[in-house]
Protein backbone atom coordinates (compact mmCIF):
# COMPACT_ATOMS: atom_id res chain seq x y z
CA MET A 1 0.18 0.04 -0.11
CA ARG A 2 1.23 3.37 -0.92
CA TYR A 3 1.70 5.98 1.94
CA LEU A 4 -0.13 9.12 1.24
CA PRO A 5 -0.31 11.22 4.08
CA HIS A 6 -2.16 14.22 2.53
CA THR A 7 -5.76 14.33 1.83
CA ALA A 8 -6.70 16.30 -1.20
CA GLU A 9 -8.07 18.88 1.16
CA ASP A 10 -4.70 19.29 2.76
CA ILE A 11 -3.01 19.54 -0.79
CA GLU A 12 -5.29 22.18 -1.72
CA LYS A 13 -4.75 24.49 1.27
CA MET A 14 -0.87 24.03 0.89
CA LEU A 15 -1.04 25.25 -2.69
CA ARG A 16 -3.43 27.82 -1.89
CA VAL A 17 -0.99 29.09 0.88
CA ILE A 18 1.99 29.18 -1.75
CA GLY A 19 0.10 30.94 -4.55
CA ALA A 20 -0.08 27.56 -6.85
CA GLY A 21 -3.05 26.33 -8.77
CA SER A 22 -1.90 22.53 -8.90
CA ILE A 23 0.97 20.55 -8.02
CA ASP A 24 2.03 20.65 -11.74
CA ASP A 25 2.80 24.40 -11.23
CA LEU A 26 5.20 23.47 -8.66
CA PHE A 27 7.36 22.33 -11.73
CA SER A 28 6.86 25.29 -13.73
CA THR A 29 10.41 26.43 -13.60
CA VAL A 30 11.80 23.17 -15.27
CA PRO A 31 11.95 23.63 -18.85
CA THR A 32 9.19 21.54 -20.97
CA ASP A 33 12.11 19.81 -22.82
CA SER A 34 13.39 18.50 -19.70
CA ARG A 35 10.11 17.14 -18.12
CA MET A 36 8.49 13.83 -19.29
CA ASP A 37 5.21 14.06 -21.09
CA GLY A 38 3.50 10.75 -20.71
CA PRO A 39 3.95 7.50 -18.68
CA LEU A 40 7.03 5.89 -18.20
CA HIS A 41 7.90 3.24 -20.90
CA LEU A 42 8.34 0.16 -18.78
CA PRO A 43 7.89 -3.39 -19.56
CA PRO A 44 4.95 -5.38 -18.08
CA PRO A 45 5.33 -6.48 -14.44
CA LEU A 46 6.90 -9.87 -13.68
CA ASN A 47 6.27 -12.23 -11.01
CA GLU A 48 8.92 -12.89 -8.24
CA TRP A 49 10.73 -15.97 -10.19
CA ALA A 50 10.73 -14.34 -13.39
CA LEU A 51 12.08 -11.08 -11.86
CA ASN A 52 14.77 -13.02 -10.00
CA ASP A 53 15.88 -14.65 -13.35
CA HIS A 54 16.00 -11.18 -15.24
CA MET A 55 18.25 -9.72 -12.23
CA ASP A 56 20.48 -12.87 -12.48
CA SER A 57 20.84 -11.97 -16.19
CA LEU A 58 21.64 -8.37 -15.57
CA ALA A 59 24.07 -9.43 -13.06
CA SER A 60 25.99 -11.77 -15.55
CA ARG A 61 26.80 -8.83 -17.74
CA GLN A 62 28.89 -7.33 -15.26
CA ALA A 63 32.78 -7.90 -14.82
CA THR A 64 32.46 -9.59 -11.48
CA GLY A 65 32.72 -13.35 -10.44
CA PRO A 66 35.62 -15.58 -9.97
CA ARG A 67 37.09 -15.05 -13.49
CA ALA A 68 37.16 -11.27 -13.18
CA ASN A 69 40.47 -9.50 -12.91
CA ILE A 70 39.78 -6.17 -11.64
CA PHE A 71 42.44 -3.39 -10.76
CA LEU A 72 39.80 -0.76 -9.90
CA GLY A 73 40.43 1.64 -6.96
CA ALA A 74 39.88 5.22 -7.06
CA GLY A 75 37.93 5.60 -3.78
CA ARG A 76 36.45 2.16 -3.64
CA TYR A 77 38.63 -0.74 -2.34
CA GLU A 78 38.20 -4.63 -2.52
CA HIS A 79 39.09 -5.87 0.75
CA HIS A 80 38.75 -9.24 2.45
CA ILE A 81 36.09 -8.87 5.10
CA PRO A 82 36.13 -11.33 8.12
CA ALA A 83 33.08 -13.35 8.59
CA VAL A 84 32.56 -12.29 11.92
CA VAL A 85 32.15 -8.47 10.83
CA THR A 86 29.18 -9.44 8.46
CA ASN A 87 27.75 -11.66 11.21
CA LEU A 88 27.84 -9.12 14.01
CA ALA A 89 26.94 -6.35 11.77
CA SER A 90 23.78 -8.09 10.47
CA ARG A 91 22.44 -8.76 13.94
CA SER A 92 18.75 -7.50 14.13
CA GLU A 93 19.67 -5.06 17.19
CA PHE A 94 21.93 -3.17 15.18
CA VAL A 95 20.15 -3.32 11.71
CA THR A 96 16.83 -2.03 12.75
CA SER A 97 18.20 0.56 15.28
CA TYR A 98 17.49 4.31 14.62
CA THR A 99 18.91 7.58 16.15
CA PRO A 100 19.47 7.06 19.87
CA TYR A 101 17.16 9.82 21.00
CA GLN A 102 16.31 8.09 24.07
CA PRO A 103 19.83 6.88 25.60
CA GLU A 104 18.09 4.79 28.22
CA ILE A 105 16.90 2.19 25.73
CA SER A 106 19.60 3.01 23.36
CA GLN A 107 22.82 2.01 25.27
CA GLY A 108 23.85 -0.81 22.69
CA THR A 109 23.80 1.88 19.63
CA LEU A 110 25.29 4.62 21.70
CA GLN A 111 28.09 2.29 22.87
CA ALA A 112 28.93 1.11 19.33
CA ILE A 113 28.93 4.46 18.14
CA TYR A 114 31.26 5.60 21.17
CA GLU A 115 33.66 2.62 20.29
CA TYR A 116 33.81 3.84 16.60
CA GLN A 117 34.65 7.27 17.59
CA THR A 118 37.50 5.83 19.90
CA LEU A 119 39.09 3.69 17.25
CA ILE A 120 38.97 6.14 14.59
CA SER A 121 40.43 8.90 16.78
CA ARG A 122 43.39 6.54 17.46
CA LEU A 123 44.00 5.80 13.97
CA LEU A 124 43.74 9.17 12.67
CA GLY A 125 45.74 10.55 15.57
CA MET A 126 43.06 13.29 16.40
CA ASP A 127 41.25 14.03 19.75
CA VAL A 128 37.35 13.64 18.56
CA THR A 129 35.57 11.74 16.17
CA THR A 130 32.21 12.65 14.77
CA ALA A 131 29.45 9.93 14.90
CA SER A 132 30.02 9.41 10.89
CA HIS A 133 28.65 10.97 7.72
CA TYR A 134 27.01 9.97 4.42
CA ASP A 135 30.50 9.32 2.83
CA GLY A 136 33.88 10.94 2.27
CA SER A 137 32.97 13.65 -0.23
CA THR A 138 30.35 15.07 2.39
CA ALA A 139 32.97 14.58 5.12
CA LEU A 140 35.29 16.82 3.25
CA ALA A 141 32.72 19.38 2.15
CA GLU A 142 31.40 19.80 6.05
CA SER A 143 35.02 20.00 6.92
CA LEU A 144 35.75 22.92 4.85
CA LEU A 145 32.40 24.56 5.91
CA MET A 146 33.60 23.99 9.61
CA ALA A 147 36.81 25.95 8.71
CA VAL A 148 34.99 28.67 7.29
CA ARG A 149 32.87 28.72 10.36
CA VAL A 150 35.94 28.82 12.75
CA THR A 151 38.10 31.30 10.88
CA LYS A 152 35.19 33.76 9.65
CA ARG A 153 36.58 33.48 6.32
CA THR A 154 35.26 32.67 2.78
CA LYS A 155 38.21 31.14 0.60
CA VAL A 156 39.27 27.33 0.56
CA ALA A 157 42.15 25.95 -1.14
CA VAL A 158 41.68 22.34 -2.56
CA SER A 159 44.26 20.10 -4.26
CA ARG A 160 43.63 18.93 -7.74
CA LEU A 161 44.68 15.55 -6.50
CA ILE A 162 41.90 15.13 -4.16
CA HIS A 163 39.37 12.63 -5.58
CA PRO A 164 37.62 14.55 -8.46
CA LEU A 165 34.28 13.80 -7.37
CA TYR A 166 34.91 14.96 -3.97
CA ARG A 167 35.82 18.12 -5.41
CA SER A 168 32.68 18.40 -7.28
CA VAL A 169 30.78 17.91 -4.05
CA VAL A 170 32.81 20.57 -2.40
CA LYS A 171 31.95 23.16 -5.13
CA THR A 172 28.30 22.18 -4.81
CA TYR A 173 28.33 22.70 -1.29
CA LEU A 174 30.41 25.80 -1.06
CA THR A 175 29.53 27.71 -4.23
CA PRO A 176 26.08 28.97 -2.84
CA THR A 177 27.33 30.12 0.40
CA GLY A 178 29.61 32.68 -1.55
CA CYS A 179 32.92 30.82 -0.68
CA GLU A 180 35.67 30.85 -3.10
CA VAL A 181 37.25 27.53 -4.16
CA VAL A 182 41.13 27.81 -5.35
CA ASP A 183 42.48 24.61 -7.08
CA LEU A 184 45.93 23.75 -6.14
CA PRO A 185 47.54 21.97 -8.99
CA TYR A 186 50.34 19.25 -9.00
CA LYS A 187 53.89 18.79 -9.32
CA ASP A 188 55.88 16.42 -11.68
CA ASP A 189 56.23 13.84 -8.94
CA GLY A 190 52.61 13.33 -8.42
CA THR A 191 52.19 15.49 -5.09
CA THR A 192 50.37 18.87 -4.45
CA ASP A 193 52.05 21.86 -5.47
CA LEU A 194 51.64 24.43 -2.47
CA GLY A 195 53.25 27.47 -4.45
CA PRO A 196 50.16 29.12 -5.25
CA LEU A 197 49.29 29.54 -1.61
CA ASP A 198 52.27 32.27 -1.22
CA GLY A 199 50.70 35.47 -0.50
CA LEU A 200 47.08 34.21 -0.58
CA ASP A 201 44.86 36.21 1.75
CA GLY A 202 41.68 35.39 3.57
CA LEU A 203 42.21 31.62 3.54
CA ALA A 204 39.79 29.58 5.98
CA GLY A 205 41.09 26.05 5.08
CA VAL A 206 43.32 24.11 2.87
CA ALA A 207 42.45 20.52 1.81
CA VAL A 208 45.12 17.77 0.66
CA GLN A 209 44.45 14.08 0.13
CA SER A 210 47.12 11.57 1.19
CA PRO A 211 47.48 9.08 -0.35
CA ASN A 212 46.13 11.18 -3.19
CA PHE A 213 43.99 10.41 -6.20
CA PHE A 214 47.23 8.92 -7.97
CA GLY A 215 48.07 7.07 -4.83
CA CYS A 216 51.05 9.21 -3.94
CA ILE A 217 51.79 9.91 -0.33
CA GLU A 218 51.77 13.49 0.45
CA ASP A 219 53.98 15.78 2.88
CA LEU A 220 51.27 16.48 5.27
CA ASP A 221 53.80 18.14 7.69
CA SER A 222 54.58 20.69 5.22
CA THR A 223 51.00 21.39 4.32
CA ALA A 224 50.04 21.83 7.98
CA ALA A 225 53.11 24.32 8.15
CA VAL A 226 51.89 26.53 5.33
CA SER A 227 48.40 26.54 6.05
CA HIS A 228 48.81 27.71 9.75
CA ASP A 229 51.20 30.42 9.02
CA LEU A 230 48.30 31.81 6.74
CA GLY A 231 45.77 31.38 9.46
CA ALA A 232 43.86 28.68 7.90
CA LEU A 233 42.92 25.24 9.23
CA PHE A 234 44.44 22.35 7.40
CA ALA A 235 42.17 19.18 6.39
CA ALA A 236 43.68 15.92 5.44
CA ALA A 237 41.56 14.06 3.43
CA PHE A 238 41.69 10.32 2.43
CA THR A 239 39.71 7.90 0.35
CA GLU A 240 41.87 4.80 1.54
CA PRO A 241 42.19 4.73 5.39
CA MET A 242 43.96 1.42 5.38
CA ALA A 243 47.09 3.20 4.65
CA TYR A 244 47.22 4.67 7.94
CA GLY A 245 47.91 1.29 9.34
CA LEU A 246 51.55 2.00 7.64
CA ILE A 247 52.18 5.75 7.10
CA LYS A 248 52.25 8.39 9.59
CA ASN A 249 48.57 9.52 10.41
CA PRO A 250 47.18 13.00 10.00
CA GLY A 251 46.99 14.20 13.66
CA SER A 252 50.78 13.48 14.03
CA GLN A 253 51.42 15.73 10.99
CA GLY A 254 49.54 18.87 12.32
CA ALA A 255 46.09 18.32 10.59
CA ASP A 256 43.49 20.10 12.12
CA ILE A 257 40.84 18.04 10.64
CA ALA A 258 40.81 14.40 9.28
CA CYS A 259 38.03 13.60 6.74
CA GLY A 260 37.53 10.97 4.19
CA GLU A 261 35.99 7.74 3.29
CA GLY A 262 35.78 4.54 5.45
CA GLN A 263 34.46 1.80 3.13
CA SER A 264 37.80 -0.03 3.31
CA PHE A 265 36.73 -1.12 6.92
CA GLY A 266 34.35 -3.96 6.52
CA ILE A 267 31.99 -2.35 4.10
CA PRO A 268 31.55 -4.19 0.68
CA MET A 269 31.77 -2.14 -2.51
CA ASN A 270 28.26 -2.89 -3.49
CA PHE A 271 28.71 -1.18 -7.19
CA GLY A 272 29.49 2.02 -5.28
CA GLY A 273 27.84 2.30 -1.89
CA PRO A 274 27.10 2.69 0.82
CA GLY A 275 30.07 4.54 2.38
CA LEU A 276 30.92 5.94 5.59
CA GLY A 277 31.85 9.35 6.07
CA ILE A 278 34.57 9.72 8.49
CA LEU A 279 35.29 13.03 10.23
CA ALA A 280 37.80 13.85 13.12
CA GLY A 281 39.07 17.02 14.59
CA ARG A 282 40.94 18.81 17.41
CA ALA A 283 39.33 18.91 20.86
CA LYS A 284 39.36 22.91 20.57
CA PHE A 285 37.10 22.78 17.69
CA MET A 286 34.70 20.22 19.18
CA ARG A 287 31.85 22.52 19.14
CA SER A 288 32.10 23.55 15.61
CA LEU A 289 32.24 20.02 14.36
CA PRO A 290 29.23 19.14 12.20
CA GLY A 291 26.89 16.27 13.17
CA ARG A 292 26.63 14.36 16.53
CA LEU A 293 29.06 13.01 19.20
CA VAL A 294 28.64 10.30 21.68
CA GLY A 295 30.25 10.62 25.31
CA LYS A 296 30.49 8.41 28.07
CA THR A 297 28.67 9.61 31.75
CA THR A 298 27.49 7.69 34.80
CA ASP A 299 23.81 7.65 36.13
CA ILE A 300 22.76 8.90 39.55
CA GLU A 301 23.62 5.25 40.97
CA GLY A 302 27.15 5.76 39.49
CA ARG A 303 26.59 3.20 36.63
CA ARG A 304 28.54 3.87 33.14
CA GLY A 305 26.24 5.13 30.34
CA PHE A 306 26.44 6.86 26.97
CA VAL A 307 24.51 9.79 25.69
CA LEU A 308 24.58 12.07 22.61
CA THR A 309 26.90 14.70 24.15
CA LEU A 310 26.82 17.01 21.28
CA ALA A 311 23.91 16.80 18.52
CA THR A 312 24.04 20.10 16.58
CA ARG A 313 22.23 19.01 13.47
CA GLU A 314 19.20 20.75 12.40
CA GLN A 315 16.58 18.41 13.75
CA HIS A 316 18.11 18.69 17.15
CA ILE A 317 18.52 22.53 17.32
CA ARG A 318 17.36 25.50 15.64
CA ARG A 319 18.02 25.52 11.98
CA GLU A 320 20.12 28.67 11.94
CA LYS A 321 22.56 27.33 14.69
CA ALA A 322 23.06 23.78 13.09
CA THR A 323 26.59 23.03 11.95
CA SER A 324 25.16 20.19 9.62
CA ASN A 325 21.94 19.69 7.56
CA ILE A 326 22.79 15.93 7.32
CA CYS A 327 20.32 14.19 9.30
CA THR A 328 21.64 10.37 8.77
CA ASN A 329 24.90 9.31 10.32
CA ASN A 330 25.07 5.97 8.92
CA SER A 331 25.54 4.27 12.20
CA LEU A 332 25.40 0.78 10.94
CA CYS A 333 28.22 1.30 8.66
CA ALA A 334 30.19 2.99 11.75
CA LEU A 335 29.49 -0.19 13.86
CA THR A 336 30.57 -2.34 11.00
CA ALA A 337 34.17 -0.25 10.84
CA ALA A 338 34.53 -0.72 14.51
CA VAL A 339 34.06 -4.40 14.42
CA TYR A 340 36.50 -4.49 11.62
CA LEU A 341 39.24 -2.34 13.52
CA ALA A 342 38.42 -4.36 16.59
CA CYS A 343 39.28 -7.76 14.67
CA LEU A 344 42.25 -6.27 13.21
CA GLY A 345 43.94 -4.45 16.05
CA SER A 346 46.94 -2.43 15.55
CA THR A 347 49.23 -5.25 14.60
CA GLY A 348 46.84 -6.80 12.06
CA MET A 349 46.16 -3.44 10.62
CA ARG A 350 49.93 -2.70 9.89
CA GLU A 351 50.55 -6.12 8.43
CA LEU A 352 47.38 -5.84 6.06
CA ALA A 353 48.61 -2.24 5.08
CA LEU A 354 52.35 -3.76 4.38
CA LEU A 355 50.67 -6.57 2.35
CA ASN A 356 48.55 -3.83 0.30
CA ARG A 357 51.78 -1.84 -0.25
CA ASP A 358 53.95 -4.89 -1.19
CA LYS A 359 51.64 -6.33 -3.78
CA ALA A 360 51.11 -2.85 -5.44
CA GLU A 361 55.07 -2.47 -5.53
CA TYR A 362 55.08 -5.90 -7.09
CA LEU A 363 52.92 -5.26 -9.89
CA LYS A 364 54.39 -1.73 -10.67
CA ALA A 365 57.73 -3.19 -10.94
CA ALA A 366 56.33 -5.98 -13.34
CA LEU A 367 54.56 -3.31 -15.39
CA VAL A 368 57.64 -1.50 -15.86
CA GLU A 369 59.50 -4.48 -17.00
CA ALA A 370 56.83 -5.24 -19.50
CA GLY A 371 57.37 -1.87 -21.23
CA CYS A 372 54.89 0.45 -18.94
CA THR A 373 55.86 3.87 -17.91
CA ILE A 374 55.40 4.95 -14.13
CA PRO A 375 55.02 8.95 -14.77
CA PHE A 376 55.19 9.99 -11.05
CA THR A 377 58.16 9.34 -8.81
CA ALA A 378 56.67 9.88 -5.12
CA HIS A 379 55.75 6.69 -2.93
CA THR A 380 52.78 5.18 -3.16
CA PHE A 381 50.44 2.98 -1.18
CA ASN A 382 48.20 0.46 -3.01
CA GLU A 383 47.53 2.36 -6.04
CA PHE A 384 49.51 3.98 -8.74
CA VAL A 385 49.34 5.72 -12.19
CA VAL A 386 50.62 3.98 -15.15
CA LYS A 387 51.02 4.74 -18.86
CA PHE A 388 50.58 1.31 -20.86
CA PRO A 389 52.67 0.70 -23.95
CA ALA A 390 51.64 2.17 -27.21
CA GLY A 391 48.62 0.30 -28.87
CA PHE A 392 47.50 -0.87 -25.66
CA ASP A 393 44.13 1.04 -26.15
CA GLU A 394 43.21 -1.25 -29.10
CA LYS A 395 43.55 -4.34 -26.80
CA LEU A 396 41.41 -2.75 -24.04
CA PRO A 397 37.89 -3.93 -25.57
CA ALA A 398 38.85 -7.50 -25.73
CA LEU A 399 40.45 -7.30 -21.96
CA LEU A 400 37.28 -5.81 -20.79
CA GLU A 401 35.22 -8.60 -22.57
CA LYS A 402 37.21 -11.04 -20.86
CA GLY A 403 36.64 -9.51 -17.45
CA THR A 404 40.16 -7.89 -17.15
CA VAL A 405 39.91 -4.53 -15.89
CA PRO A 406 43.17 -2.85 -16.06
CA GLY A 407 42.54 0.13 -13.88
CA LEU A 408 40.69 3.33 -14.30
CA ALA A 409 41.37 5.78 -17.27
CA LEU A 410 42.07 9.16 -16.09
CA ASP A 411 41.37 11.02 -19.56
CA ASP A 412 37.92 12.21 -18.26
CA TYR A 413 39.29 13.48 -15.04
CA TYR A 414 42.90 14.80 -16.07
CA PRO A 415 42.73 15.35 -19.82
CA GLU A 416 46.73 16.05 -19.65
CA LEU A 417 47.02 12.58 -18.50
CA SER A 418 45.42 10.99 -21.82
CA GLY A 419 46.49 7.34 -21.93
CA HIS A 420 47.25 6.82 -18.33
CA HIS A 421 45.40 4.51 -15.94
CA LEU A 422 45.07 4.40 -12.12
CA VAL A 423 45.93 0.83 -11.22
CA CYS A 424 44.87 -0.55 -7.70
CA VAL A 425 46.04 -3.70 -5.75
CA THR A 426 44.75 -4.85 -2.43
CA GLU A 427 45.32 -8.23 -0.28
CA THR A 428 42.73 -9.78 -2.65
CA LYS A 429 44.73 -9.96 -5.61
CA THR A 430 46.92 -12.91 -6.04
CA ARG A 431 50.28 -13.22 -7.71
CA SER A 432 48.85 -15.10 -10.41
CA ARG A 433 46.18 -12.57 -11.15
CA MET A 434 48.96 -9.87 -11.25
CA ASP A 435 50.99 -11.95 -13.46
CA GLU A 436 48.25 -12.56 -15.90
CA LEU A 437 47.51 -8.80 -16.30
CA VAL A 438 51.41 -8.31 -16.99
CA LYS A 439 51.17 -11.08 -19.38
CA GLU A 440 48.36 -9.37 -21.27
CA VAL A 441 50.08 -6.08 -21.34
CA ALA A 442 53.53 -7.48 -22.71
CA SER A 443 51.70 -9.62 -25.24
């Protein structure tokens, strides 16, 4: 049954108040040629079994399955997920829970979020972590809005080596507010060029991703120093937090905010979603953080308890005082990440990060031996940019047909890198699979 909350009389009253004659009038600003005229052209309905067969047929067209050999990363990473993570995160107590407005009956959910905040704060070297956001792109955009609030300035600098889709979301968020977004170019070694920051006045924040979109590891210490000299906050972004099991975390390198995507921590790729927006910061900026914070306290009998310590979203306080208009905190994804991190522990995280790095270096060296070029010299983690030998583009359709995806073509995002691919290797790639790709390239 469809849920129709308004009667015809209700709708008529609302239209009268706003001065519209009909619901169709609400869409009058949309150009006629952009509106659908007539019903949707859909096939006839299917029964349950026929629909399942149809979905299986569609799924079989995808380059997935045991024979697929996919080296895509670029913000979504294939990692092994321990069975215990899926099992615990699938418990009905967590799957069906909602926002813990009533702490007396939401202690399990609140404690799970509290543990997530603690684990992420330790991983990133920050003082406090929010109770999660939609995804990495919105976490970055919220971080820069926070920098604007804290500094009372209206200009931010964003590296071109931040994920292109993240940069698009940042501009969507900030442009309507009147904030200016300055793009920082990249150097020949594949890292961000901070030169354009010299003499830049009125800067609220600087955002640099590490490992960046090319997989290169940035010098966050220098970025933090330059940002602070300009009176700006430094936001360290990321799409692959697994790297912080091996490289220095943002907090230890002077970042004021750390933000990005947590999908790598036990969340399946699922053709693009859901994700987990991670946002952490320094304690002195706690009240400017967007979203919610879960805290630990004691009740009148001295027993430990958990509560929403800070809730600065628009459904909690007056809209004009809200630090965020995102009202979903992806707590199930945050719980999943917490279980995953608890399973690995610090030693397991380091070993897994080393395995990712070593496998990527193996494939990189093998591709160079097969005639490929690595254009950037900066150190990388588990993905890197490669230029395949001349004529490789002619082989590509046949490779894709066989289920081999040799990385992401960079032409659409960086026209100057035509013919280059972003290749990713995680612990899921066996040596034989990597050798198979090298053989295809060299043949």
